């Protein structure tokens, strides 16, 4: 009877269509994310697996925050800041720029640091947005990957004051990771914990990594991978050393060990 056969016919038709679509997609060559031409032979991909002709490598523009190649096809364009940084339209959606979002991120970071045993960080530290050129000037030397810097007023040792400078135009998660790094610096100073520069920067980078791991998105995983591969002798080597220590000791014992030095 037709009413008994019909469900099997529908199932067969769905399987046929699915196989047809899959088979067809396998035969469609990828297109370049920049010029939209068909890719033949070897080609490059960005951190988000977007393909593009390798000869576009030098002329291609990549997002300073997420490493996507900026194109109309992938990101619907992007923005160029006055300090030369490029940001894709996808990252621009979540940038931290208003007092309310700064406060929300500040509160979130302090809460996450508390979970690992870093307490008593002041809530009233001013945060100023700044461009990359001015940030490097305040830092005292050029550092292409610099995203934040804490200025400490040591005139009153008993109650030092701080100002945190962070690059303007950062997406929320990146902003919070930079903020965590700077707040760990302040926590160390407030607790009079003196560490070698490599150890201190490595610990502060663990603060950034905490934010990225808690977020768990592809965006954050890209930043974690970049930290693992950072060739800098202080920020990169220091982070990897402290990461190994954290894996051995855990947060409680690591903090106890550092504060007792």
C-alpha atoms as a PDB file:
ATOM      1  CA  UNK A   1       0.000   0.000   0.000  1.00  0.00           C
ATOM      2  CA  UNK A   2       1.117   3.539  -0.806  1.00  0.00           C
ATOM      3  CA  UNK A   3       0.625   4.817   2.748  1.00  0.00           C
ATOM      4  CA  UNK A   4       3.144   2.226   3.986  1.00  0.00           C
ATOM      5  CA  UNK A   5       5.654   2.853   1.208  1.00  0.00           C
ATOM      6  CA  UNK A   6       5.509   6.660   1.363  1.00  0.00           C
ATOM      7  CA  UNK A   7       7.625   7.092   4.564  1.00  0.00           C
ATOM      8  CA  UNK A   8      10.380   4.956   3.045  1.00  0.00           C
ATOM      9  CA  UNK A   9      10.266   6.950  -0.176  1.00  0.00           C
ATOM     10  CA  UNK A  10      10.617  10.193   1.773  1.00  0.00           C
ATOM     11  CA  UNK A  11      13.524   8.778   3.778  1.00  0.00           C
ATOM     12  CA  UNK A  12      15.244   7.590   0.599  1.00  0.00           C
ATOM     13  CA  UNK A  13      14.711  11.002  -1.009  1.00  0.00           C
ATOM     14  CA  UNK A  14      16.225  12.819   1.995  1.00  0.00           C
ATOM     15  CA  UNK A  15      19.275  10.534   1.997  1.00  0.00           C
ATOM     16  CA  UNK A  16      19.697  11.039  -1.753  1.00  0.00           C
ATOM     17  CA  UNK A  17      19.499  14.827  -1.452  1.00  0.00           C
ATOM     18  CA  UNK A  18      21.917  14.872   1.492  1.00  0.00           C
ATOM     19  CA  UNK A  19      24.443  12.731  -0.325  1.00  0.00           C
ATOM     20  CA  UNK A  20      24.024  14.845  -3.404  1.00  0.00           C
ATOM     21  CA  UNK A  21      24.693  18.061  -1.501  1.00  0.00           C
ATOM     22  CA  UNK A  22      27.709  16.621   0.296  1.00  0.00           C
ATOM     23  CA  UNK A  23      29.128  15.220  -2.888  1.00  0.00           C
ATOM     24  CA  UNK A  24      28.593  18.501  -4.659  1.00  0.00           C
ATOM     25  CA  UNK A  25      30.240  20.585  -1.914  1.00  0.00           C
ATOM     26  CA  UNK A  26      33.351  18.414  -2.070  1.00  0.00           C
ATOM     27  CA  UNK A  27      33.801  19.327  -5.707  1.00  0.00           C
ATOM     28  CA  UNK A  28      33.457  23.090  -5.208  1.00  0.00           C
ATOM     29  CA  UNK A  29      36.927  24.658  -4.866  1.00  0.00           C
ATOM     30  CA  UNK A  30      37.430  27.269  -2.142  1.00  0.00           C
ATOM     31  CA  UNK A  31      37.537  30.930  -3.059  1.00  0.00           C
ATOM     32  CA  UNK A  32      39.977  33.567  -1.877  1.00  0.00           C
ATOM     33  CA  UNK A  33      38.570  35.612   1.004  1.00  0.00           C
ATOM     34  CA  UNK A  34      40.145  38.759  -0.451  1.00  0.00           C
ATOM     35  CA  UNK A  35      39.752  38.696  -4.243  1.00  0.00           C
ATOM     36  CA  UNK A  36      37.036  35.988  -4.308  1.00  0.00           C
ATOM     37  CA  UNK A  37      38.818  34.129  -7.101  1.00  0.00           C
ATOM     38  CA  UNK A  38      39.033  30.337  -7.079  1.00  0.00           C
ATOM     39  CA  UNK A  39      42.017  29.006  -5.126  1.00  0.00           C
ATOM     40  CA  UNK A  40      44.201  26.531  -6.969  1.00  0.00           C
ATOM     41  CA  UNK A  41      47.201  24.678  -5.600  1.00  0.00           C
ATOM     42  CA  UNK A  42      48.682  25.853  -2.310  1.00  0.00           C
ATOM     43  CA  UNK A  43      47.138  28.785  -0.469  1.00  0.00           C
ATOM     44  CA  UNK A  44      47.186  30.403   2.980  1.00  0.00           C
ATOM     45  CA  UNK A  45      44.594  30.487   5.762  1.00  0.00           C
ATOM     46  CA  UNK A  46      44.177  32.906   8.650  1.00  0.00           C
ATOM     47  CA  UNK A  47      43.641  31.965  12.303  1.00  0.00           C
ATOM     48  CA  UNK A  48      39.940  31.399  11.571  1.00  0.00           C
ATOM     49  CA  UNK A  49      40.566  29.034   8.631  1.00  0.00           C
ATOM     50  CA  UNK A  50      39.593  31.664   6.063  1.00  0.00           C
ATOM     51  CA  UNK A  51      41.515  30.845   2.848  1.00  0.00           C
ATOM     52  CA  UNK A  52      43.308  33.366   0.665  1.00  0.00           C
ATOM     53  CA  UNK A  53      45.958  33.485  -2.051  1.00  0.00           C
ATOM     54  CA  UNK A  54      49.422  33.445  -0.506  1.00  0.00           C
ATOM     55  CA  UNK A  55      50.478  36.394  -2.644  1.00  0.00           C
ATOM     56  CA  UNK A  56      47.979  38.513  -0.671  1.00  0.00           C
ATOM     57  CA  UNK A  57      50.004  37.935   2.524  1.00  0.00           C
ATOM     58  CA  UNK A  58      51.883  41.231   2.291  1.00  0.00           C
ATOM     59  CA  UNK A  59      48.961  43.299   1.063  1.00  0.00           C
ATOM     60  CA  UNK A  60      46.348  41.638   3.272  1.00  0.00           C
ATOM     61  CA  UNK A  61      45.071  43.479   6.343  1.00  0.00           C
ATOM     62  CA  UNK A  62      44.572  41.447   9.502  1.00  0.00           C
ATOM     63  CA  UNK A  63      42.550  42.384  12.571  1.00  0.00           C
ATOM     64  CA  UNK A  64      44.818  43.502  15.412  1.00  0.00           C
ATOM     65  CA  UNK A  65      42.560  41.783  17.941  1.00  0.00           C
ATOM     66  CA  UNK A  66      41.292  38.525  16.414  1.00  0.00           C
ATOM     67  CA  UNK A  67      43.809  37.962  13.561  1.00  0.00           C
ATOM     68  CA  UNK A  68      41.051  37.519  10.958  1.00  0.00           C
ATOM     69  CA  UNK A  69      41.876  38.735   7.495  1.00  0.00           C
ATOM     70  CA  UNK A  70      39.750  41.826   6.968  1.00  0.00           C
ATOM     71  CA  UNK A  71      37.631  41.663   3.835  1.00  0.00           C
ATOM     72  CA  UNK A  72      34.104  42.476   2.778  1.00  0.00           C
ATOM     73  CA  UNK A  73      33.387  38.776   2.330  1.00  0.00           C
ATOM     74  CA  UNK A  74      34.547  37.634   5.799  1.00  0.00           C
ATOM     75  CA  UNK A  75      34.191  40.584   8.172  1.00  0.00           C
ATOM     76  CA  UNK A  76      32.143  43.081   6.152  1.00  0.00           C
ATOM     77  CA  UNK A  77      35.117  45.390   6.235  1.00  0.00           C
ATOM     78  CA  UNK A  78      36.799  46.980   9.211  1.00  0.00           C
ATOM     79  CA  UNK A  79      38.308  50.085  10.747  1.00  0.00           C
ATOM     80  CA  UNK A  80      41.744  51.675  10.856  1.00  0.00           C
ATOM     81  CA  UNK A  81      42.634  53.523  14.048  1.00  0.00           C
ATOM     82  CA  UNK A  82      44.759  56.646  14.069  1.00  0.00           C
ATOM     83  CA  UNK A  83      47.687  54.717  15.582  1.00  0.00           C
ATOM     84  CA  UNK A  84      47.768  52.319  12.616  1.00  0.00           C
ATOM     85  CA  UNK A  85      45.906  49.371  14.138  1.00  0.00           C
ATOM     86  CA  UNK A  86      43.166  47.646  12.142  1.00  0.00           C
ATOM     87  CA  UNK A  87      40.025  46.182  13.698  1.00  0.00           C
ATOM     88  CA  UNK A  88      37.481  44.039  11.896  1.00  0.00           C
ATOM     89  CA  UNK A  89      33.778  44.868  12.062  1.00  0.00           C
ATOM     90  CA  UNK A  90      33.089  41.677  14.028  1.00  0.00           C
ATOM     91  CA  UNK A  91      35.428  42.717  16.864  1.00  0.00           C
ATOM     92  CA  UNK A  92      34.165  46.286  16.792  1.00  0.00           C
ATOM     93  CA  UNK A  93      30.773  45.112  18.030  1.00  0.00           C
ATOM     94  CA  UNK A  94      32.062  44.363  21.545  1.00  0.00           C
ATOM     95  CA  UNK A  95      34.680  47.077  22.080  1.00  0.00           C
ATOM     96  CA  UNK A  96      34.892  48.565  25.565  1.00  0.00           C
ATOM     97  CA  UNK A  97      34.589  52.319  25.439  1.00  0.00           C
ATOM     98  CA  UNK A  98      31.911  53.591  27.852  1.00  0.00           C
ATOM     99  CA  UNK A  99      32.180  53.957  31.622  1.00  0.00           C
ATOM    100  CA  UNK A 100      29.421  51.408  32.187  1.00  0.00           C
ATOM    101  CA  UNK A 101      31.177  48.696  30.172  1.00  0.00           C
ATOM    102  CA  UNK A 102      34.524  49.522  31.781  1.00  0.00           C
ATOM    103  CA  UNK A 103      32.965  49.132  35.224  1.00  0.00           C
ATOM    104  CA  UNK A 104      31.286  45.838  34.266  1.00  0.00           C
ATOM    105  CA  UNK A 105      34.578  44.456  32.960  1.00  0.00           C
ATOM    106  CA  UNK A 106      36.444  45.696  36.053  1.00  0.00           C
ATOM    107  CA  UNK A 107      33.970  43.915  38.320  1.00  0.00           C
ATOM    108  CA  UNK A 108      34.145  40.726  36.246  1.00  0.00           C
ATOM    109  CA  UNK A 109      37.953  40.609  36.288  1.00  0.00           C
ATOM    110  CA  UNK A 110      38.210  41.166  40.040  1.00  0.00           C
ATOM    111  CA  UNK A 111      35.678  38.374  40.618  1.00  0.00           C
ATOM    112  CA  UNK A 112      37.663  35.970  38.425  1.00  0.00           C
ATOM    113  CA  UNK A 113      40.946  36.838  40.155  1.00  0.00           C
ATOM    114  CA  UNK A 114      39.332  36.180  43.527  1.00  0.00           C
ATOM    115  CA  UNK A 115      38.525  32.612  42.501  1.00  0.00           C
ATOM    116  CA  UNK A 116      42.255  31.840  42.281  1.00  0.00           C
ATOM    117  CA  UNK A 117      43.179  33.534  45.555  1.00  0.00           C
ATOM    118  CA  UNK A 118      44.065  37.079  44.460  1.00  0.00           C
ATOM    119  CA  UNK A 119      42.102  39.349  46.789  1.00  0.00           C
ATOM    120  CA  UNK A 120      41.975  42.950  48.016  1.00  0.00           C
ATOM    121  CA  UNK A 121      42.392  44.700  44.674  1.00  0.00           C
ATOM    122  CA  UNK A 122      41.076  48.285  44.833  1.00  0.00           C
ATOM    123  CA  UNK A 123      37.869  49.004  42.919  1.00  0.00           C
ATOM    124  CA  UNK A 124      38.594  52.662  42.296  1.00  0.00           C
ATOM    125  CA  UNK A 125      41.710  52.567  40.108  1.00  0.00           C
ATOM    126  CA  UNK A 126      41.204  54.936  37.171  1.00  0.00           C
ATOM    127  CA  UNK A 127      41.423  53.410  33.693  1.00  0.00           C
ATOM    128  CA  UNK A 128      42.293  55.576  30.723  1.00  0.00           C
ATOM    129  CA  UNK A 129      42.028  54.620  27.072  1.00  0.00           C
ATOM    130  CA  UNK A 130      45.068  55.542  25.028  1.00  0.00           C
ATOM    131  CA  UNK A 131      46.461  55.007  21.532  1.00  0.00           C
ATOM    132  CA  UNK A 132      49.440  52.762  20.822  1.00  0.00           C
ATOM    133  CA  UNK A 133      51.850  55.635  20.172  1.00  0.00           C
ATOM    134  CA  UNK A 134      51.126  57.381  23.474  1.00  0.00           C
ATOM    135  CA  UNK A 135      51.109  54.061  25.329  1.00  0.00           C
ATOM    136  CA  UNK A 136      54.633  53.280  24.144  1.00  0.00           C
ATOM    137  CA  UNK A 137      55.755  56.754  25.207  1.00  0.00           C
ATOM    138  CA  UNK A 138      54.403  56.219  28.725  1.00  0.00           C
ATOM    139  CA  UNK A 139      55.979  52.774  28.834  1.00  0.00           C
ATOM    140  CA  UNK A 140      59.313  54.347  27.967  1.00  0.00           C
ATOM    141  CA  UNK A 141      60.208  52.179  24.976  1.00  0.00           C
ATOM    142  CA  UNK A 142      58.643  50.817  21.825  1.00  0.00           C
ATOM    143  CA  UNK A 143      56.859  47.501  22.219  1.00  0.00           C
ATOM    144  CA  UNK A 144      54.653  46.508  19.277  1.00  0.00           C
ATOM    145  CA  UNK A 145      52.492  44.116  21.311  1.00  0.00           C
ATOM    146  CA  UNK A 146      51.983  46.483  24.250  1.00  0.00           C
ATOM    147  CA  UNK A 147      48.311  46.786  25.199  1.00  0.00           C
ATOM    148  CA  UNK A 148      48.402  48.089  28.753  1.00  0.00           C
ATOM    149  CA  UNK A 149      50.595  49.843  31.296  1.00  0.00           C
ATOM    150  CA  UNK A 150      50.175  50.771  34.953  1.00  0.00           C
ATOM    151  CA  UNK A 151      51.625  54.021  36.209  1.00  0.00           C
ATOM    152  CA  UNK A 152      52.401  53.951  39.922  1.00  0.00           C
ATOM    153  CA  UNK A 153      52.715  57.052  42.085  1.00  0.00           C
ATOM    154  CA  UNK A 154      55.206  56.093  44.801  1.00  0.00           C
ATOM    155  CA  UNK A 155      55.251  59.465  46.548  1.00  0.00           C
ATOM    156  CA  UNK A 156      53.179  57.988  49.342  1.00  0.00           C
ATOM    157  CA  UNK A 157      54.547  54.523  50.017  1.00  0.00           C
ATOM    158  CA  UNK A 158      51.818  53.645  52.507  1.00  0.00           C
ATOM    159  CA  UNK A 159      49.078  54.432  50.003  1.00  0.00           C
ATOM    160  CA  UNK A 160      50.401  54.348  46.453  1.00  0.00           C
ATOM    161  CA  UNK A 161      48.090  55.475  43.685  1.00  0.00           C
ATOM    162  CA  UNK A 162      47.762  53.937  40.267  1.00  0.00           C
ATOM    163  CA  UNK A 163      46.507  54.762  36.795  1.00  0.00           C
ATOM    164  CA  UNK A 164      45.928  51.969  34.302  1.00  0.00           C
ATOM    165  CA  UNK A 165      46.350  52.819  30.631  1.00  0.00           C
ATOM    166  CA  UNK A 166      44.791  50.420  28.121  1.00  0.00           C
ATOM    167  CA  UNK A 167      44.631  50.600  24.347  1.00  0.00           C
ATOM    168  CA  UNK A 168      41.358  52.041  23.149  1.00  0.00           C
ATOM    169  CA  UNK A 169      39.153  50.012  20.842  1.00  0.00           C
ATOM    170  CA  UNK A 170      39.748  46.539  22.303  1.00  0.00           C
ATOM    171  CA  UNK A 171      36.968  43.910  22.283  1.00  0.00           C
ATOM    172  CA  UNK A 172      35.629  43.098  25.750  1.00  0.00           C
ATOM    173  CA  UNK A 173      37.473  39.818  26.356  1.00  0.00           C
ATOM    174  CA  UNK A 174      40.804  41.241  25.204  1.00  0.00           C
ATOM    175  CA  UNK A 175      40.235  44.361  27.326  1.00  0.00           C
ATOM    176  CA  UNK A 176      39.544  42.196  30.374  1.00  0.00           C
ATOM    177  CA  UNK A 177      42.636  40.055  29.742  1.00  0.00           C
ATOM    178  CA  UNK A 178      44.812  43.176  29.586  1.00  0.00           C
ATOM    179  CA  UNK A 179      43.122  44.561  32.698  1.00  0.00           C
ATOM    180  CA  UNK A 180      43.757  41.305  34.585  1.00  0.00           C
ATOM    181  CA  UNK A 181      47.466  41.528  33.720  1.00  0.00           C
ATOM    182  CA  UNK A 182      47.676  45.065  35.094  1.00  0.00           C
ATOM    183  CA  UNK A 183      45.663  44.296  38.227  1.00  0.00           C
ATOM    184  CA  UNK A 184      48.013  41.442  39.121  1.00  0.00           C
ATOM    185  CA  UNK A 185      50.901  43.941  38.902  1.00  0.00           C
ATOM    186  CA  UNK A 186      49.032  46.182  41.341  1.00  0.00           C
ATOM    187  CA  UNK A 187      48.247  43.259  43.646  1.00  0.00           C
ATOM    188  CA  UNK A 188      51.948  42.346  43.796  1.00  0.00           C
ATOM    189  CA  UNK A 189      52.955  45.918  44.591  1.00  0.00           C
ATOM    190  CA  UNK A 190      50.257  46.337  47.268  1.00  0.00           C
ATOM    191  CA  UNK A 191      51.427  43.141  48.940  1.00  0.00           C
ATOM    192  CA  UNK A 192      55.096  44.127  48.633  1.00  0.00           C
ATOM    193  CA  UNK A 193      55.908  41.003  46.628  1.00  0.00           C
ATOM    194  CA  UNK A 194      59.168  41.575  44.763  1.00  0.00           C
ATOM    195  CA  UNK A 195      59.841  39.172  41.901  1.00  0.00           C
ATOM    196  CA  UNK A 196      62.285  38.981  39.048  1.00  0.00           C
ATOM    197  CA  UNK A 197      60.895  40.736  35.978  1.00  0.00           C
ATOM    198  CA  UNK A 198      60.454  37.493  34.016  1.00  0.00           C
ATOM    199  CA  UNK A 199      58.585  35.859  36.916  1.00  0.00           C
ATOM    200  CA  UNK A 200      56.384  38.903  37.535  1.00  0.00           C
ATOM    201  CA  UNK A 201      55.406  39.346  33.883  1.00  0.00           C
ATOM    202  CA  UNK A 202      54.834  35.610  33.601  1.00  0.00           C
ATOM    203  CA  UNK A 203      52.486  35.661  36.586  1.00  0.00           C
ATOM    204  CA  UNK A 204      50.623  38.675  35.219  1.00  0.00           C
ATOM    205  CA  UNK A 205      50.231  36.870  31.914  1.00  0.00           C
ATOM    206  CA  UNK A 206      48.709  33.958  33.835  1.00  0.00           C
ATOM    207  CA  UNK A 207      46.076  36.492  34.895  1.00  0.00           C
ATOM    208  CA  UNK A 208      45.357  37.255  31.237  1.00  0.00           C
ATOM    209  CA  UNK A 209      45.282  33.553  30.411  1.00  0.00           C
ATOM    210  CA  UNK A 210      42.737  33.006  33.198  1.00  0.00           C
ATOM    211  CA  UNK A 211      40.324  35.387  31.458  1.00  0.00           C
ATOM    212  CA  UNK A 212      40.826  33.728  28.092  1.00  0.00           C
ATOM    213  CA  UNK A 213      40.401  30.208  29.484  1.00  0.00           C
ATOM    214  CA  UNK A 214      37.256  31.153  31.364  1.00  0.00           C
ATOM    215  CA  UNK A 215      35.863  32.591  28.141  1.00  0.00           C
ATOM    216  CA  UNK A 216      36.729  29.505  26.109  1.00  0.00           C
ATOM    217  CA  UNK A 217      35.843  30.910  22.683  1.00  0.00           C
ATOM    218  CA  UNK A 218      37.885  30.529  19.507  1.00  0.00           C
ATOM    219  CA  UNK A 219      38.858  34.186  19.901  1.00  0.00           C
ATOM    220  CA  UNK A 220      40.349  33.437  23.323  1.00  0.00           C
ATOM    221  CA  UNK A 221      42.018  30.228  22.157  1.00  0.00           C
ATOM    222  CA  UNK A 222      43.825  32.214  19.451  1.00  0.00           C
ATOM    223  CA  UNK A 223      45.208  34.537  22.115  1.00  0.00           C
ATOM    224  CA  UNK A 224      46.229  31.624  24.335  1.00  0.00           C
ATOM    225  CA  UNK A 225      48.060  30.038  21.405  1.00  0.00           C
ATOM    226  CA  UNK A 226      49.805  33.346  20.698  1.00  0.00           C
ATOM    227  CA  UNK A 227      50.928  33.520  24.335  1.00  0.00           C
ATOM    228  CA  UNK A 228      52.269  29.969  24.146  1.00  0.00           C
ATOM    229  CA  UNK A 229      54.278  30.907  21.052  1.00  0.00           C
ATOM    230  CA  UNK A 230      55.395  34.388  22.135  1.00  0.00           C
ATOM    231  CA  UNK A 231      59.178  34.556  21.443  1.00  0.00           C
ATOM    232  CA  UNK A 232      59.762  37.461  23.854  1.00  0.00           C
ATOM    233  CA  UNK A 233      62.371  36.505  26.449  1.00  0.00           C
ATOM    234  CA  UNK A 234      60.421  38.117  29.306  1.00  0.00           C
ATOM    235  CA  UNK A 235      56.723  37.968  28.404  1.00  0.00           C
ATOM    236  CA  UNK A 236      56.868  34.719  26.428  1.00  0.00           C
ATOM    237  CA  UNK A 237      59.489  32.746  28.359  1.00  0.00           C
ATOM    238  CA  UNK A 238      58.196  34.123  31.634  1.00  0.00           C
ATOM    239  CA  UNK A 239      54.635  33.062  30.857  1.00  0.00           C
ATOM    240  CA  UNK A 240      55.622  29.551  29.821  1.00  0.00           C
ATOM    241  CA  UNK A 241      57.748  29.117  32.949  1.00  0.00           C
ATOM    242  CA  UNK A 242      54.936  30.279  35.228  1.00  0.00           C
ATOM    243  CA  UNK A 243      52.412  28.197  33.339  1.00  0.00           C
ATOM    244  CA  UNK A 244      54.518  25.113  34.038  1.00  0.00           C
ATOM    245  CA  UNK A 245      54.725  26.074  37.722  1.00  0.00           C
ATOM    246  CA  UNK A 246      50.962  26.536  37.869  1.00  0.00           C
ATOM    247  CA  UNK A 247      50.387  23.102  36.351  1.00  0.00           C
ATOM    248  CA  UNK A 248      52.677  21.573  39.006  1.00  0.00           C
ATOM    249  CA  UNK A 249      51.459  23.487  42.056  1.00  0.00           C
ATOM    250  CA  UNK A 250      47.987  24.860  41.401  1.00  0.00           C
ATOM    251  CA  UNK A 251      46.968  28.421  42.214  1.00  0.00           C
ATOM    252  CA  UNK A 252      46.907  28.149  46.022  1.00  0.00           C
ATOM    253  CA  UNK A 253      50.432  26.768  46.400  1.00  0.00           C
ATOM    254  CA  UNK A 254      51.832  28.924  43.608  1.00  0.00           C
ATOM    255  CA  UNK A 255      50.602  32.134  45.222  1.00  0.00           C
ATOM    256  CA  UNK A 256      51.789  30.959  48.627  1.00  0.00           C
ATOM    257  CA  UNK A 257      55.224  30.198  47.240  1.00  0.00           C
ATOM    258  CA  UNK A 258      55.553  33.573  45.505  1.00  0.00           C
ATOM    259  CA  UNK A 259      54.332  35.636  48.452  1.00  0.00           C
ATOM    260  CA  UNK A 260      56.762  33.910  50.795  1.00  0.00           C
ATOM    261  CA  UNK A 261      59.837  34.611  48.680  1.00  0.00           C
END
